[in-house]
């Protein structure tokens, strides 16, 4: 991999993550901050970096990431998908591993909209017979 930067995008719920990979020592920068202080929970960091551990690329590339929209969980999922897509651009042989682990599938689940006449999307107001 020459001094080129690889670009990929991932989405989850309302969150959108854009990732750039470049050769380096495994440094993360998410919206100008380190990964753990940004995502705040170790479980979210583990979820977001799953593709790295699977492909054993943890200390070989630096990651610059911009994330917007949604909450921390959705953003971690968006980072995970973007990272998996970027790793495939880096080395197409990773596709089989990542596909088998389910890291290339965009999770389509979104929040259901609130309907009129209801408290939330499906919750109704309490029924009173009299």
Protein backbone atom coordinates (compact mmCIF):
# COMPACT_ATOMS: atom_id res chain seq x y z
CA UNK A 1 0.00 0.00 0.00
CA UNK A 2 1.64 3.20 -1.18
CA UNK A 3 0.95 6.56 0.44
CA UNK A 4 -2.64 6.40 -0.81
CA UNK A 5 -5.61 6.92 1.48
CA UNK A 6 -8.53 4.54 1.28
CA UNK A 7 -11.99 5.99 1.79
CA UNK A 8 -15.22 4.20 2.83
CA UNK A 9 -18.62 5.05 4.28
CA UNK A 10 -20.81 3.11 6.72
CA UNK A 11 -24.31 3.70 8.08
CA UNK A 12 -26.29 2.42 11.05
CA UNK A 13 -29.66 3.80 12.19
CA UNK A 14 -29.26 7.54 11.53
CA UNK A 15 -25.46 7.63 12.02
CA UNK A 16 -23.07 8.02 9.08
CA UNK A 17 -19.35 7.30 9.41
CA UNK A 18 -16.71 8.23 6.84
CA UNK A 19 -13.32 6.56 7.25
CA UNK A 20 -9.90 7.15 5.68
CA UNK A 21 -7.19 4.51 6.09
CA UNK A 22 -3.53 5.37 5.61
CA UNK A 23 -0.32 3.43 6.37
CA UNK A 24 0.76 3.89 9.97
CA UNK A 25 0.92 2.45 13.46
CA UNK A 26 -2.75 1.94 14.31
CA UNK A 27 -3.69 5.43 15.54
CA UNK A 28 -7.40 6.28 15.69
CA UNK A 29 -8.91 9.73 15.34
CA UNK A 30 -12.71 10.05 15.51
CA UNK A 31 -14.05 13.59 15.13
CA UNK A 32 -10.69 14.90 16.36
CA UNK A 33 -10.54 12.63 19.43
CA UNK A 34 -9.19 9.20 20.32
CA UNK A 35 -11.56 6.24 19.90
CA UNK A 36 -12.15 5.27 23.56
CA UNK A 37 -12.75 8.82 24.87
CA UNK A 38 -15.15 9.40 21.96
CA UNK A 39 -17.24 6.22 22.29
CA UNK A 40 -16.92 6.26 26.13
CA UNK A 41 -17.58 2.50 26.59
CA UNK A 42 -15.12 -0.31 26.01
CA UNK A 43 -17.90 -2.53 24.61
CA UNK A 44 -18.59 0.01 21.83
CA UNK A 45 -14.87 0.25 21.05
CA UNK A 46 -14.66 -3.55 20.76
CA UNK A 47 -17.74 -3.56 18.49
CA UNK A 48 -16.34 -0.81 16.25
CA UNK A 49 -12.89 -2.43 15.91
CA UNK A 50 -14.08 -6.02 15.25
CA UNK A 51 -13.02 -5.98 11.56
CA UNK A 52 -9.47 -5.09 12.63
CA UNK A 53 -9.14 -8.04 14.98
CA UNK A 54 -10.63 -10.43 12.44
CA UNK A 55 -8.21 -9.39 9.69
CA UNK A 56 -5.22 -8.81 12.05
CA UNK A 57 -4.56 -5.29 10.71
CA UNK A 58 -4.65 -3.47 14.06
CA UNK A 59 -1.14 -1.95 14.09
CA UNK A 60 -0.67 -1.50 10.34
CA UNK A 61 -2.92 1.43 9.37
CA UNK A 62 -3.97 4.76 10.86
CA UNK A 63 -7.66 5.62 10.86
CA UNK A 64 -9.17 9.07 10.48
CA UNK A 65 -12.94 9.03 10.95
CA UNK A 66 -15.77 11.56 10.77
CA UNK A 67 -19.07 10.48 12.32
CA UNK A 68 -22.35 12.38 12.49
CA UNK A 69 -25.92 11.68 13.49
CA UNK A 70 -27.49 9.22 15.90
CA UNK A 71 -26.18 8.07 19.25
CA UNK A 72 -23.00 6.32 20.29
CA UNK A 73 -24.27 2.79 19.56
CA UNK A 74 -25.36 3.70 16.04
CA UNK A 75 -22.09 5.53 15.45
CA UNK A 76 -20.08 2.49 16.60
CA UNK A 77 -22.03 0.32 14.15
CA UNK A 78 -21.45 2.83 11.35
CA UNK A 79 -17.71 2.88 12.09
CA UNK A 80 -17.64 -0.93 12.02
CA UNK A 81 -19.29 -1.13 8.59
CA UNK A 82 -17.10 1.64 7.15
CA UNK A 83 -13.96 -0.03 8.51
CA UNK A 84 -14.93 -3.40 7.02
CA UNK A 85 -15.59 -1.79 3.62
CA UNK A 86 -12.28 0.09 3.74
CA UNK A 87 -10.35 -3.07 4.61
CA UNK A 88 -11.84 -4.80 1.56
CA UNK A 89 -10.64 -1.93 -0.64
CA UNK A 90 -7.21 -2.35 0.96
CA UNK A 91 -7.10 -6.12 0.41
CA UNK A 92 -9.94 -7.87 -1.50
CA UNK A 93 -8.97 -11.21 0.10
CA UNK A 94 -10.49 -10.00 3.40
CA UNK A 95 -13.98 -10.04 1.85
CA UNK A 96 -14.64 -13.73 2.52
CA UNK A 97 -13.69 -13.47 6.22
CA UNK A 98 -15.67 -10.28 6.82
CA UNK A 99 -18.72 -11.53 4.91
CA UNK A 100 -18.77 -14.78 6.91
CA UNK A 101 -18.60 -12.80 10.18
CA UNK A 102 -21.55 -10.63 9.03
CA UNK A 103 -19.61 -7.36 9.06
CA UNK A 104 -20.51 -6.30 5.52
CA UNK A 105 -24.28 -6.33 6.00
CA UNK A 106 -25.85 -2.95 6.65
CA UNK A 107 -28.23 -3.28 9.58
CA UNK A 108 -31.56 -1.92 8.25
CA UNK A 109 -33.31 -1.53 11.62
CA UNK A 110 -34.48 2.02 12.22
CA UNK A 111 -36.66 3.67 14.83
CA UNK A 112 -40.33 3.33 13.92
CA UNK A 113 -42.11 6.65 13.59
CA UNK A 114 -44.72 7.82 16.09
CA UNK A 115 -48.31 7.53 14.83
CA UNK A 116 -51.02 10.07 15.54
CA UNK A 117 -53.48 9.11 18.28
CA UNK A 118 -50.83 7.02 20.08
CA UNK A 119 -48.34 7.78 22.83
CA UNK A 120 -45.37 6.36 20.88
CA UNK A 121 -45.03 4.25 17.73
CA UNK A 122 -47.19 1.41 19.12
CA UNK A 123 -47.99 2.32 22.73
CA UNK A 124 -51.58 3.42 23.18
CA UNK A 125 -53.22 5.68 25.72
CA UNK A 126 -54.82 3.81 28.62
CA UNK A 127 -58.31 2.53 27.79
CA UNK A 128 -61.12 3.54 30.12
CA UNK A 129 -64.46 1.80 29.79
CA UNK A 130 -66.30 4.29 31.99
